[in-house]
């Protein structure tokens, strides 16, 4: 899945993200959190996953739910309406 809709759904449900640093995932994570939440290799994933599991209470204070708001239909629908209205004129 290139767009990462499952990842967005997980973020909306307040799951703590550990994503590969490729494809669309870096776009979902704020720059200041990318070092902690994006991995570049299997060893990097293992290291970060161990950290998260050992410090689960610390990771719960970070919320990424707002990232998915830009794709919410309430936000997207008016944009589509403007584009389609302009296109059909």
Protein backbone atom coordinates (compact mmCIF):
# COMPACT_ATOMS: atom_id res chain seq x y z
CA UNK A 1 0.00 0.00 0.00
CA UNK A 2 1.75 3.16 -1.15
CA UNK A 3 -0.53 5.77 0.46
CA UNK A 4 -0.44 4.15 3.90
CA UNK A 5 -4.12 4.37 4.82
CA UNK A 6 -3.68 1.65 7.44
CA UNK A 7 -0.87 3.70 8.99
CA UNK A 8 -3.11 6.78 9.09
CA UNK A 9 -5.88 4.76 10.71
CA UNK A 10 -3.45 3.49 13.34
CA UNK A 11 -2.24 7.03 14.04
CA UNK A 12 -5.85 8.18 14.39
CA UNK A 13 -6.42 5.39 16.91
CA UNK A 14 -3.40 6.65 18.88
CA UNK A 15 -1.06 3.77 18.08
CA UNK A 16 2.60 4.62 18.58
CA UNK A 17 4.26 4.58 15.15
CA UNK A 18 7.45 2.84 14.12
CA UNK A 19 7.55 3.22 10.35
CA UNK A 20 10.24 2.58 7.74
CA UNK A 21 11.95 5.76 6.60
CA UNK A 22 10.77 5.39 3.01
CA UNK A 23 7.70 5.72 0.83
CA UNK A 24 5.09 8.08 2.30
CA UNK A 25 5.75 7.46 6.01
CA UNK A 26 8.16 10.38 6.63
CA UNK A 27 5.36 12.72 5.49
CA UNK A 28 3.20 11.50 8.38
CA UNK A 29 5.71 12.04 11.16
CA UNK A 30 6.69 15.55 12.31
CA UNK A 31 10.34 16.29 11.61
CA UNK A 32 11.21 16.57 15.30
CA UNK A 33 9.92 13.00 15.89
CA UNK A 34 11.39 11.30 12.80
CA UNK A 35 14.58 10.14 14.52
CA UNK A 36 12.50 8.28 17.13
CA UNK A 37 9.66 6.99 14.97
CA UNK A 38 11.25 6.07 11.64
CA UNK A 39 13.70 3.21 11.18
CA UNK A 40 16.24 2.64 8.43
CA UNK A 41 17.22 -1.02 8.92
CA UNK A 42 16.18 -4.19 10.72
CA UNK A 43 18.69 -3.44 13.49
CA UNK A 44 17.33 0.10 13.84
CA UNK A 45 13.76 -1.24 14.07
CA UNK A 46 14.80 -3.78 16.71
CA UNK A 47 16.57 -1.11 18.79
CA UNK A 48 13.63 1.31 18.62
CA UNK A 49 11.06 -1.40 19.31
CA UNK A 50 12.99 -2.51 22.41
CA UNK A 51 13.09 1.10 23.61
CA UNK A 52 9.33 1.53 23.08
CA UNK A 53 8.48 -1.72 24.87
CA UNK A 54 10.71 -0.86 27.83
CA UNK A 55 9.39 2.71 28.11
CA UNK A 56 5.77 2.25 27.08
CA UNK A 57 4.47 4.82 29.56
CA UNK A 58 6.81 7.47 28.11
CA UNK A 59 5.65 6.77 24.57
CA UNK A 60 1.99 7.23 25.46
CA UNK A 61 2.48 10.95 25.95
CA UNK A 62 3.11 11.41 22.22
CA UNK A 63 -0.02 11.63 20.13
CA UNK A 64 -0.02 11.59 16.36
CA UNK A 65 -3.78 11.68 15.84
CA UNK A 66 -3.74 15.18 14.32
CA UNK A 67 -1.66 13.92 11.39
CA UNK A 68 -4.67 12.09 9.95
CA UNK A 69 -6.95 15.15 10.15
CA UNK A 70 -5.71 16.48 6.82
CA UNK A 71 -7.25 13.40 5.16
CA UNK A 72 -10.59 13.57 6.99
CA UNK A 73 -13.56 13.79 4.61
CA UNK A 74 -14.83 16.92 6.36
CA UNK A 75 -11.61 18.63 5.27
CA UNK A 76 -11.12 16.93 1.89
CA UNK A 77 -14.70 17.15 0.56
CA UNK A 78 -14.81 20.97 0.22
CA UNK A 79 -11.50 20.89 -1.62
CA UNK A 80 -12.78 18.27 -4.04
CA UNK A 81 -15.97 20.23 -4.53
CA UNK A 82 -13.99 23.36 -5.48
CA UNK A 83 -11.83 21.44 -7.93
CA UNK A 84 -14.72 19.58 -9.53
CA UNK A 85 -16.88 22.69 -9.73
CA UNK A 86 -14.07 24.59 -11.44
CA UNK A 87 -13.33 21.66 -13.76
CA UNK A 88 -16.94 21.20 -14.89
CA UNK A 89 -17.46 24.88 -15.82
